[in-house]
Amino acid sequence: MVDNPTTNNKSLSIRISSDGLSFCVYAPAEVQPYTYKVYKVRPVISLAANVKDALLTEPMLKEHYQRVNVLISTPDFTTLPAEDFDRETIDDVFHFVFPTSVQTRVSYNVLRRSGIAIIFGLDRNVYQLLLDDFPRARFYASASTLVEFFSEKSLIGSGKRMFVYLHDHEMNLYCFDQGKMLFINSFQVQGIGDCQYFIMNVWKKLGWDQVDDSICVVDDNDWSRPLVEKIRYFIKSATLIDRTEDFRDTITRGNRLIPYDLQTLLVCGF
């Protein structure tokens, strides 16, 4: 449904991953302002078909909203320094990095605070379905919200810091030196052993110190605690990220039902 900014001040955030779909409505006038729902996708049909069904049947998607955000959780992204970013070349850059992504709508986010641009892809059919119903929707990569959020967190304390986000059988690594991004990548993982292998491999290649530098882990799938216990054998400062602490000044209050990347989108002020 086309959003009408004169109707109310409610906002809708749609999170899309390779095998999942969820929605979060923010209604500031309500006693419980956040409503979050996971849509039960059918794995036997395409993501576009699931999105189409959701748009036709999900009541939350039939209301009018002042603002609509679409968060794309995808490993198909690449980065450029903001000063080198050229909107006219995003398709060339993306398809150079991901040459097999043919049916892809290429989008971008320029992160002024972090000094980088993130170029990412979304299934073209999914993009068009969402744009038909929400012509004013804004599209963000999950990596964009996390880079901005972790960049600020990396300014606390001393030394370099690696942030690990585990979700949807995927692990994202974000590495900073006092706000400056040094490394970012995504890895498909099947268990804690995979996570440990990739973390230690990146740590070694970056040449980081096992005492002075640190690692922080957060997840949406309950892997973080045992992973941190294993990492502490090799890295002295390995800690869990406390969602309640991260979002203590916001009304989301670190709600574990809402994926961490979606929570950062809700509070980062994009």
C-alpha atoms as a PDB file:
ATOM      1  CA  MET A   1       0.000   0.000   0.000  1.00  0.00           C
ATOM      2  CA  VAL A   2       1.300   3.451  -0.897  1.00  0.00           C
ATOM      3  CA  ASP A   3       2.417   5.255   2.232  1.00  0.00           C
ATOM      4  CA  ASN A   4       0.779   8.567   3.040  1.00  0.00           C
ATOM      5  CA  PRO A   5       2.901  10.900   5.186  1.00  0.00           C
ATOM      6  CA  THR A   6      -0.152  12.938   6.236  1.00  0.00           C
ATOM      7  CA  THR A   7      -1.962   9.975   7.824  1.00  0.00           C
ATOM      8  CA  ASN A   8       0.106   9.354  10.952  1.00  0.00           C
ATOM      9  CA  ASN A   9       3.664   9.266  12.211  1.00  0.00           C
ATOM     10  CA  LYS A  10       4.028   5.487  12.280  1.00  0.00           C
ATOM     11  CA  SER A  11       6.993   3.928  10.507  1.00  0.00           C
ATOM     12  CA  LEU A  12       7.552   0.458   9.099  1.00  0.00           C
ATOM     13  CA  SER A  13      10.851  -1.402   8.841  1.00  0.00           C
ATOM     14  CA  ILE A  14      11.034  -4.526   6.682  1.00  0.00           C
ATOM     15  CA  ARG A  15      13.995  -6.884   7.132  1.00  0.00           C
ATOM     16  CA  ILE A  16      14.839  -9.220   4.266  1.00  0.00           C
ATOM     17  CA  SER A  17      17.418 -12.011   4.327  1.00  0.00           C
ATOM     18  CA  SER A  18      18.047 -14.949   2.003  1.00  0.00           C
ATOM     19  CA  ASP A  19      15.639 -17.161   3.941  1.00  0.00           C
ATOM     20  CA  GLY A  20      13.656 -14.808   6.129  1.00  0.00           C
ATOM     21  CA  LEU A  21      11.259 -11.896   6.246  1.00  0.00           C
ATOM     22  CA  SER A  22      10.177  -9.823   9.225  1.00  0.00           C
ATOM     23  CA  PHE A  23       8.501  -6.499   9.991  1.00  0.00           C
ATOM     24  CA  CYS A  24       8.739  -3.922  12.740  1.00  0.00           C
ATOM     25  CA  VAL A  25       6.252  -1.087  13.214  1.00  0.00           C
ATOM     26  CA  TYR A  26       7.140   1.942  15.315  1.00  0.00           C
ATOM     27  CA  ALA A  27       4.122   3.867  16.621  1.00  0.00           C
ATOM     28  CA  PRO A  28       5.451   6.487  19.080  1.00  0.00           C
ATOM     29  CA  ALA A  29       1.979   7.355  20.380  1.00  0.00           C
ATOM     30  CA  GLU A  30       1.339   3.815  21.620  1.00  0.00           C
ATOM     31  CA  VAL A  31       2.131   2.502  25.114  1.00  0.00           C
ATOM     32  CA  GLN A  32       4.123  -0.311  23.496  1.00  0.00           C
ATOM     33  CA  PRO A  33       5.508   1.552  20.486  1.00  0.00           C
ATOM     34  CA  TYR A  34       7.304  -1.360  18.791  1.00  0.00           C
ATOM     35  CA  THR A  35       5.481  -4.274  17.160  1.00  0.00           C
ATOM     36  CA  TYR A  36       7.710  -6.938  15.653  1.00  0.00           C
ATOM     37  CA  LYS A  37       6.607  -9.941  13.603  1.00  0.00           C
ATOM     38  CA  VAL A  38       8.443 -12.720  11.797  1.00  0.00           C
ATOM     39  CA  TYR A  39       6.693 -13.747   8.593  1.00  0.00           C
ATOM     40  CA  LYS A  40       6.651 -17.493   8.023  1.00  0.00           C
ATOM     41  CA  VAL A  41       8.187 -17.927   4.594  1.00  0.00           C
ATOM     42  CA  ARG A  42       7.618 -20.962   2.403  1.00  0.00           C
ATOM     43  CA  PRO A  43      11.021 -22.375   1.372  1.00  0.00           C
ATOM     44  CA  VAL A  44       9.548 -24.144  -1.677  1.00  0.00           C
ATOM     45  CA  ILE A  45       8.880 -20.834  -3.442  1.00  0.00           C
ATOM     46  CA  SER A  46      11.180 -17.943  -4.281  1.00  0.00           C
ATOM     47  CA  LEU A  47      11.894 -14.999  -2.006  1.00  0.00           C
ATOM     48  CA  ALA A  48      10.018 -12.749  -4.438  1.00  0.00           C
ATOM     49  CA  ALA A  49       6.969 -15.006  -4.259  1.00  0.00           C
ATOM     50  CA  ASN A  50       7.098 -14.921  -0.454  1.00  0.00           C
ATOM     51  CA  VAL A  51       7.325 -11.132  -0.481  1.00  0.00           C
ATOM     52  CA  LYS A  52       4.372 -10.939  -2.878  1.00  0.00           C
ATOM     53  CA  ASP A  53       2.292 -13.188  -0.608  1.00  0.00           C
ATOM     54  CA  ALA A  54       3.219 -11.115   2.425  1.00  0.00           C
ATOM     55  CA  LEU A  55       2.193  -7.888   0.703  1.00  0.00           C
ATOM     56  CA  LEU A  56      -1.158  -9.438  -0.156  1.00  0.00           C
ATOM     57  CA  THR A  57      -1.949 -11.073   3.183  1.00  0.00           C
ATOM     58  CA  GLU A  58      -0.043  -9.402   6.026  1.00  0.00           C
ATOM     59  CA  PRO A  59      -2.173  -6.736   7.795  1.00  0.00           C
ATOM     60  CA  MET A  60       0.904  -4.805   8.964  1.00  0.00           C
ATOM     61  CA  LEU A  61       1.844  -4.181   5.323  1.00  0.00           C
ATOM     62  CA  LYS A  62      -1.577  -2.781   4.409  1.00  0.00           C
ATOM     63  CA  GLU A  63      -1.483   0.240   6.700  1.00  0.00           C
ATOM     64  CA  HIS A  64      -0.297   3.732   5.824  1.00  0.00           C
ATOM     65  CA  TYR A  65       3.126   4.807   7.121  1.00  0.00           C
ATOM     66  CA  GLN A  66       4.969   8.051   7.297  1.00  0.00           C
ATOM     67  CA  ARG A  67       8.233   6.271   6.578  1.00  0.00           C
ATOM     68  CA  VAL A  68       9.203   2.832   5.279  1.00  0.00           C
ATOM     69  CA  ASN A  69      12.697   1.373   5.628  1.00  0.00           C
ATOM     70  CA  VAL A  70      13.825  -1.839   3.966  1.00  0.00           C
ATOM     71  CA  LEU A  71      16.842  -3.533   5.567  1.00  0.00           C
ATOM     72  CA  ILE A  72      18.674  -6.005   3.330  1.00  0.00           C
ATOM     73  CA  SER A  73      20.691  -8.626   5.168  1.00  0.00           C
ATOM     74  CA  THR A  74      22.991  -9.864   2.416  1.00  0.00           C
ATOM     75  CA  PRO A  75      26.640 -10.890   1.990  1.00  0.00           C
ATOM     76  CA  ASP A  76      26.529  -9.383  -1.514  1.00  0.00           C
ATOM     77  CA  PHE A  77      28.021  -5.988  -0.764  1.00  0.00           C
ATOM     78  CA  THR A  78      31.275  -4.185  -1.333  1.00  0.00           C
ATOM     79  CA  THR A  79      32.785  -0.955  -0.043  1.00  0.00           C
ATOM     80  CA  LEU A  80      34.492   2.118  -1.448  1.00  0.00           C
ATOM     81  CA  PRO A  81      36.012   5.201   0.193  1.00  0.00           C
ATOM     82  CA  ALA A  82      33.324   7.881   0.181  1.00  0.00           C
ATOM     83  CA  GLU A  83      35.576  10.251  -1.783  1.00  0.00           C
ATOM     84  CA  ASP A  84      35.870   7.669  -4.591  1.00  0.00           C
ATOM     85  CA  PHE A  85      32.156   6.939  -4.787  1.00  0.00           C
ATOM     86  CA  ASP A  86      30.429   7.677  -8.099  1.00  0.00           C
ATOM     87  CA  ARG A  87      26.720   6.921  -8.364  1.00  0.00           C
ATOM     88  CA  GLU A  88      27.040   6.383 -12.112  1.00  0.00           C
ATOM     89  CA  THR A  89      29.426   3.441 -11.710  1.00  0.00           C
ATOM     90  CA  ILE A  90      27.721   1.412  -8.955  1.00  0.00           C
ATOM     91  CA  ASP A  91      26.465  -1.261 -11.356  1.00  0.00           C
ATOM     92  CA  ASP A  92      29.918  -1.741 -12.852  1.00  0.00           C
ATOM     93  CA  VAL A  93      31.551  -1.954  -9.418  1.00  0.00           C
ATOM     94  CA  PHE A  94      28.993  -4.398  -8.060  1.00  0.00           C
ATOM     95  CA  HIS A  95      29.023  -6.728 -11.066  1.00  0.00           C
ATOM     96  CA  PHE A  96      32.822  -6.708 -11.108  1.00  0.00           C
ATOM     97  CA  VAL A  97      32.793  -8.054  -7.535  1.00  0.00           C
ATOM     98  CA  PHE A  98      29.732 -10.301  -8.032  1.00  0.00           C
ATOM     99  CA  PRO A  99      29.729 -11.233 -11.748  1.00  0.00           C
ATOM    100  CA  THR A 100      27.041 -13.932 -11.380  1.00  0.00           C
ATOM    101  CA  SER A 101      24.448 -11.619  -9.793  1.00  0.00           C
ATOM    102  CA  VAL A 102      22.466 -11.007 -12.966  1.00  0.00           C
ATOM    103  CA  GLN A 103      18.913 -10.371 -11.718  1.00  0.00           C
ATOM    104  CA  THR A 104      20.024  -7.836  -9.140  1.00  0.00           C
ATOM    105  CA  ARG A 105      18.965  -4.286  -8.376  1.00  0.00           C
ATOM    106  CA  VAL A 106      22.104  -2.468  -7.229  1.00  0.00           C
ATOM    107  CA  SER A 107      21.706   0.095  -4.433  1.00  0.00           C
ATOM    108  CA  TYR A 108      24.057   2.046  -2.200  1.00  0.00           C
ATOM    109  CA  ASN A 109      24.411   3.838   1.130  1.00  0.00           C
ATOM    110  CA  VAL A 110      26.978   6.596   1.621  1.00  0.00           C
ATOM    111  CA  LEU A 111      28.113   6.628   5.247  1.00  0.00           C
ATOM    112  CA  ARG A 112      29.445  10.111   5.873  1.00  0.00           C
ATOM    113  CA  ARG A 113      30.405   9.473   9.500  1.00  0.00           C
ATOM    114  CA  SER A 114      32.445   6.405   8.579  1.00  0.00           C
ATOM    115  CA  GLY A 115      33.791   7.819   5.316  1.00  0.00           C
ATOM    116  CA  ILE A 116      32.772   4.866   3.144  1.00  0.00           C
ATOM    117  CA  ALA A 117      30.083   3.886   0.662  1.00  0.00           C
ATOM    118  CA  ILE A 118      28.469   0.455   0.682  1.00  0.00           C
ATOM    119  CA  ILE A 119      27.204  -0.925  -2.622  1.00  0.00           C
ATOM    120  CA  PHE A 120      24.814  -3.852  -2.293  1.00  0.00           C
ATOM    121  CA  GLY A 121      22.370  -5.937  -4.278  1.00  0.00           C
ATOM    122  CA  LEU A 122      18.766  -7.049  -3.946  1.00  0.00           C
ATOM    123  CA  ASP A 123      16.730  -9.387  -6.113  1.00  0.00           C
ATOM    124  CA  ARG A 124      15.230  -7.161  -8.799  1.00  0.00           C
ATOM    125  CA  ASN A 125      11.752  -8.674  -8.470  1.00  0.00           C
ATOM    126  CA  VAL A 126      11.732  -8.196  -4.690  1.00  0.00           C
ATOM    127  CA  TYR A 127      12.850  -4.597  -5.112  1.00  0.00           C
ATOM    128  CA  GLN A 128      10.080  -3.831  -7.608  1.00  0.00           C
ATOM    129  CA  LEU A 129       7.373  -5.499  -5.505  1.00  0.00           C
ATOM    130  CA  LEU A 130       8.309  -3.391  -2.494  1.00  0.00           C
ATOM    131  CA  LEU A 131       8.601  -0.208  -4.513  1.00  0.00           C
ATOM    132  CA  ASP A 132       5.172  -0.752  -6.070  1.00  0.00           C
ATOM    133  CA  ASP A 133       3.561  -0.837  -2.619  1.00  0.00           C
ATOM    134  CA  PHE A 134       5.902   1.661  -0.936  1.00  0.00           C
ATOM    135  CA  PRO A 135       7.165   4.155  -3.547  1.00  0.00           C
ATOM    136  CA  ARG A 136       8.997   6.240  -0.934  1.00  0.00           C
ATOM    137  CA  ALA A 137      10.754   3.302   0.743  1.00  0.00           C
ATOM    138  CA  ARG A 138      14.419   3.697   1.659  1.00  0.00           C
ATOM    139  CA  PHE A 139      16.712   0.728   1.215  1.00  0.00           C
ATOM    140  CA  TYR A 140      19.663  -0.026   3.506  1.00  0.00           C
ATOM    141  CA  ALA A 141      22.220  -2.784   3.694  1.00  0.00           C
ATOM    142  CA  SER A 142      22.516  -4.458   7.072  1.00  0.00           C
ATOM    143  CA  ALA A 143      26.246  -3.767   6.811  1.00  0.00           C
ATOM    144  CA  SER A 144      25.566  -0.021   6.583  1.00  0.00           C
ATOM    145  CA  THR A 145      23.719   0.233   9.882  1.00  0.00           C
ATOM    146  CA  LEU A 146      26.294  -1.955  11.644  1.00  0.00           C
ATOM    147  CA  VAL A 147      29.312  -0.052  10.301  1.00  0.00           C
ATOM    148  CA  GLU A 148      27.888   3.214  11.611  1.00  0.00           C
ATOM    149  CA  PHE A 149      26.950   1.708  14.967  1.00  0.00           C
ATOM    150  CA  PHE A 150      30.170  -0.236  15.547  1.00  0.00           C
ATOM    151  CA  SER A 151      32.290   2.683  14.380  1.00  0.00           C
ATOM    152  CA  GLU A 152      30.955   4.719  17.306  1.00  0.00           C
ATOM    153  CA  LYS A 153      31.441   1.832  19.737  1.00  0.00           C
ATOM    154  CA  SER A 154      35.060   1.386  18.615  1.00  0.00           C
ATOM    155  CA  LEU A 155      35.895   4.854  19.952  1.00  0.00           C
ATOM    156  CA  ILE A 156      35.372   3.625  23.516  1.00  0.00           C
ATOM    157  CA  GLY A 157      38.587   2.457  25.161  1.00  0.00           C
ATOM    158  CA  SER A 158      41.929   1.907  23.460  1.00  0.00           C
ATOM    159  CA  GLY A 159      43.333  -0.488  20.911  1.00  0.00           C
ATOM    160  CA  LYS A 160      41.816  -1.977  17.785  1.00  0.00           C
ATOM    161  CA  ARG A 161      38.477  -3.752  17.965  1.00  0.00           C
ATOM    162  CA  MET A 162      36.768  -6.518  16.002  1.00  0.00           C
ATOM    163  CA  PHE A 163      32.974  -6.791  16.113  1.00  0.00           C
ATOM    164  CA  VAL A 164      31.330 -10.117  15.264  1.00  0.00           C
ATOM    165  CA  TYR A 165      27.653 -10.413  14.346  1.00  0.00           C
ATOM    166  CA  LEU A 166      26.179 -13.921  14.000  1.00  0.00           C
ATOM    167  CA  HIS A 167      22.831 -14.472  12.279  1.00  0.00           C
ATOM    168  CA  ASP A 168      21.061 -16.570   9.640  1.00  0.00           C
ATOM    169  CA  HIS A 169      24.023 -19.023   9.372  1.00  0.00           C
ATOM    170  CA  GLU A 170      26.168 -16.042   8.490  1.00  0.00           C
ATOM    171  CA  MET A 171      28.963 -14.260  10.336  1.00  0.00           C
ATOM    172  CA  ASN A 172      29.899 -10.630   9.722  1.00  0.00           C
ATOM    173  CA  LEU A 173      33.233  -9.189  10.858  1.00  0.00           C
ATOM    174  CA  TYR A 174      33.789  -5.453  11.312  1.00  0.00           C
ATOM    175  CA  CYS A 175      37.263  -4.252  12.339  1.00  0.00           C
ATOM    176  CA  PHE A 176      38.084  -0.716  13.481  1.00  0.00           C
ATOM    177  CA  ASP A 177      40.932   1.349  14.826  1.00  0.00           C
ATOM    178  CA  GLN A 178      39.354   4.168  16.836  1.00  0.00           C
ATOM    179  CA  GLY A 179      36.470   4.695  14.431  1.00  0.00           C
ATOM    180  CA  LYS A 180      38.396   4.013  11.231  1.00  0.00           C
ATOM    181  CA  MET A 181      37.223   0.873   9.443  1.00  0.00           C
ATOM    182  CA  LEU A 182      40.061  -1.505   8.586  1.00  0.00           C
ATOM    183  CA  PHE A 183      38.230  -4.647   7.460  1.00  0.00           C
ATOM    184  CA  ILE A 184      34.720  -5.876   6.708  1.00  0.00           C
ATOM    185  CA  ASN A 185      33.531  -9.215   5.341  1.00  0.00           C
ATOM    186  CA  SER A 186      30.824 -11.881   5.577  1.00  0.00           C
ATOM    187  CA  PHE A 187      31.242 -15.637   5.933  1.00  0.00           C
ATOM    188  CA  GLN A 188      28.779 -18.500   5.608  1.00  0.00           C
ATOM    189  CA  VAL A 189      29.101 -20.631   8.755  1.00  0.00           C
ATOM    190  CA  GLN A 190      27.584 -23.926   9.889  1.00  0.00           C
ATOM    191  CA  GLY A 191      28.744 -23.870  13.492  1.00  0.00           C
ATOM    192  CA  ILE A 192      30.991 -22.370  16.142  1.00  0.00           C
ATOM    193  CA  GLY A 193      34.074 -24.103  14.718  1.00  0.00           C
ATOM    194  CA  ASP A 194      33.648 -22.258  11.413  1.00  0.00           C
ATOM    195  CA  CYS A 195      33.285 -18.971  13.257  1.00  0.00           C
ATOM    196  CA  GLN A 196      36.429 -19.536  15.294  1.00  0.00           C
ATOM    197  CA  TYR A 197      38.423 -20.472  12.198  1.00  0.00           C
ATOM    198  CA  PHE A 198      37.486 -17.348  10.224  1.00  0.00           C
ATOM    199  CA  ILE A 199      37.947 -15.013  13.193  1.00  0.00           C
ATOM    200  CA  MET A 200      41.406 -16.249  14.027  1.00  0.00           C
ATOM    201  CA  ASN A 201      42.435 -16.252  10.365  1.00  0.00           C
ATOM    202  CA  VAL A 202      41.410 -12.601   9.927  1.00  0.00           C
ATOM    203  CA  TRP A 203      42.986 -11.652  13.258  1.00  0.00           C
ATOM    204  CA  LYS A 204      46.299 -13.176  12.183  1.00  0.00           C
ATOM    205  CA  LYS A 205      46.249 -11.551   8.740  1.00  0.00           C
ATOM    206  CA  LEU A 206      45.595  -8.146  10.292  1.00  0.00           C
ATOM    207  CA  GLY A 207      48.514  -8.708  12.647  1.00  0.00           C
ATOM    208  CA  TRP A 208      46.558  -7.698  15.722  1.00  0.00           C
ATOM    209  CA  ASP A 209      47.799  -8.023  19.286  1.00  0.00           C
ATOM    210  CA  GLN A 210      46.283 -10.763  21.486  1.00  0.00           C
ATOM    211  CA  VAL A 211      46.489  -8.581  24.603  1.00  0.00           C
ATOM    212  CA  ASP A 212      46.040  -4.957  23.529  1.00  0.00           C
ATOM    213  CA  ASP A 213      43.317  -5.449  20.913  1.00  0.00           C
ATOM    214  CA  SER A 214      39.817  -6.800  21.561  1.00  0.00           C
ATOM    215  CA  ILE A 215      36.863  -8.662  20.086  1.00  0.00           C
ATOM    216  CA  CYS A 216      33.155  -8.190  20.804  1.00  0.00           C
ATOM    217  CA  VAL A 217      30.486 -10.715  19.794  1.00  0.00           C
ATOM    218  CA  VAL A 218      26.713 -10.462  19.404  1.00  0.00           C
ATOM    219  CA  ASP A 219      24.262 -12.882  17.825  1.00  0.00           C
ATOM    220  CA  ASP A 220      20.681 -13.692  16.914  1.00  0.00           C
ATOM    221  CA  ASN A 221      21.183 -17.463  17.278  1.00  0.00           C
ATOM    222  CA  ASP A 222      22.708 -18.154  20.739  1.00  0.00           C
ATOM    223  CA  TRP A 223      26.214 -18.963  19.480  1.00  0.00           C
ATOM    224  CA  SER A 224      27.983 -16.004  21.033  1.00  0.00           C
ATOM    225  CA  ARG A 225      28.631 -17.294  24.551  1.00  0.00           C
ATOM    226  CA  PRO A 226      30.322 -20.605  23.607  1.00  0.00           C
ATOM    227  CA  LEU A 227      32.223 -18.816  20.820  1.00  0.00           C
ATOM    228  CA  VAL A 228      33.591 -16.212  23.230  1.00  0.00           C
ATOM    229  CA  GLU A 229      34.668 -18.959  25.643  1.00  0.00           C
ATOM    230  CA  LYS A 230      36.713 -20.581  22.857  1.00  0.00           C
ATOM    231  CA  ILE A 231      38.158 -17.283  21.610  1.00  0.00           C
ATOM    232  CA  ARG A 232      39.381 -16.364  25.100  1.00  0.00           C
ATOM    233  CA  TYR A 233      42.004 -19.107  24.846  1.00  0.00           C
ATOM    234  CA  PHE A 234      43.703 -16.960  22.191  1.00  0.00           C
ATOM    235  CA  ILE A 235      42.536 -13.370  22.717  1.00  0.00           C
ATOM    236  CA  LYS A 236      42.560 -11.868  26.205  1.00  0.00           C
ATOM    237  CA  SER A 237      39.792  -9.311  25.688  1.00  0.00           C
ATOM    238  CA  ALA A 238      36.890 -11.258  24.173  1.00  0.00           C
ATOM    239  CA  THR A 239      33.478 -10.100  25.373  1.00  0.00           C
ATOM    240  CA  LEU A 240      29.774 -10.448  24.692  1.00  0.00           C
ATOM    241  CA  ILE A 241      27.871  -7.389  23.525  1.00  0.00           C
ATOM    242  CA  ASP A 242      25.083  -6.531  25.964  1.00  0.00           C
ATOM    243  CA  ARG A 243      22.037  -5.460  23.949  1.00  0.00           C
ATOM    244  CA  THR A 244      20.425  -3.920  27.015  1.00  0.00           C
ATOM    245  CA  GLU A 245      23.486  -1.729  27.488  1.00  0.00           C
ATOM    246  CA  ASP A 246      23.709  -0.855  23.791  1.00  0.00           C
ATOM    247  CA  PHE A 247      20.105   0.282  23.602  1.00  0.00           C
ATOM    248  CA  ARG A 248      19.504   1.360  27.196  1.00  0.00           C
ATOM    249  CA  ASP A 249      18.517   4.895  26.165  1.00  0.00           C
ATOM    250  CA  THR A 250      16.007   3.702  23.573  1.00  0.00           C
ATOM    251  CA  ILE A 251      12.616   2.132  23.922  1.00  0.00           C
ATOM    252  CA  THR A 252      13.732  -1.070  22.156  1.00  0.00           C
ATOM    253  CA  ARG A 253      15.779  -1.847  25.312  1.00  0.00           C
ATOM    254  CA  GLY A 254      17.810  -4.540  23.594  1.00  0.00           C
ATOM    255  CA  ASN A 255      14.797  -6.704  22.759  1.00  0.00           C
ATOM    256  CA  ARG A 256      16.265 -10.037  21.620  1.00  0.00           C
ATOM    257  CA  LEU A 257      13.215 -10.738  19.484  1.00  0.00           C
ATOM    258  CA  ILE A 258      14.291  -7.962  17.106  1.00  0.00           C
ATOM    259  CA  PRO A 259      17.445  -8.835  15.099  1.00  0.00           C
ATOM    260  CA  TYR A 260      20.451  -6.806  16.175  1.00  0.00           C
ATOM    261  CA  ASP A 261      20.976  -5.181  12.767  1.00  0.00           C
ATOM    262  CA  LEU A 262      17.331  -4.080  12.710  1.00  0.00           C
ATOM    263  CA  GLN A 263      17.685  -2.577  16.178  1.00  0.00           C
ATOM    264  CA  THR A 264      20.671  -0.545  15.002  1.00  0.00           C
ATOM    265  CA  LEU A 265      18.612   0.712  12.052  1.00  0.00           C
ATOM    266  CA  LEU A 266      15.859   1.802  14.440  1.00  0.00           C
ATOM    267  CA  VAL A 267      18.220   3.834  16.636  1.00  0.00           C
ATOM    268  CA  CYS A 268      20.929   5.066  14.240  1.00  0.00           C
ATOM    269  CA  GLY A 269      18.833   7.855  12.784  1.00  0.00           C
ATOM    270  CA  PHE A 270      19.192   6.967   9.105  1.00  0.00           C
END
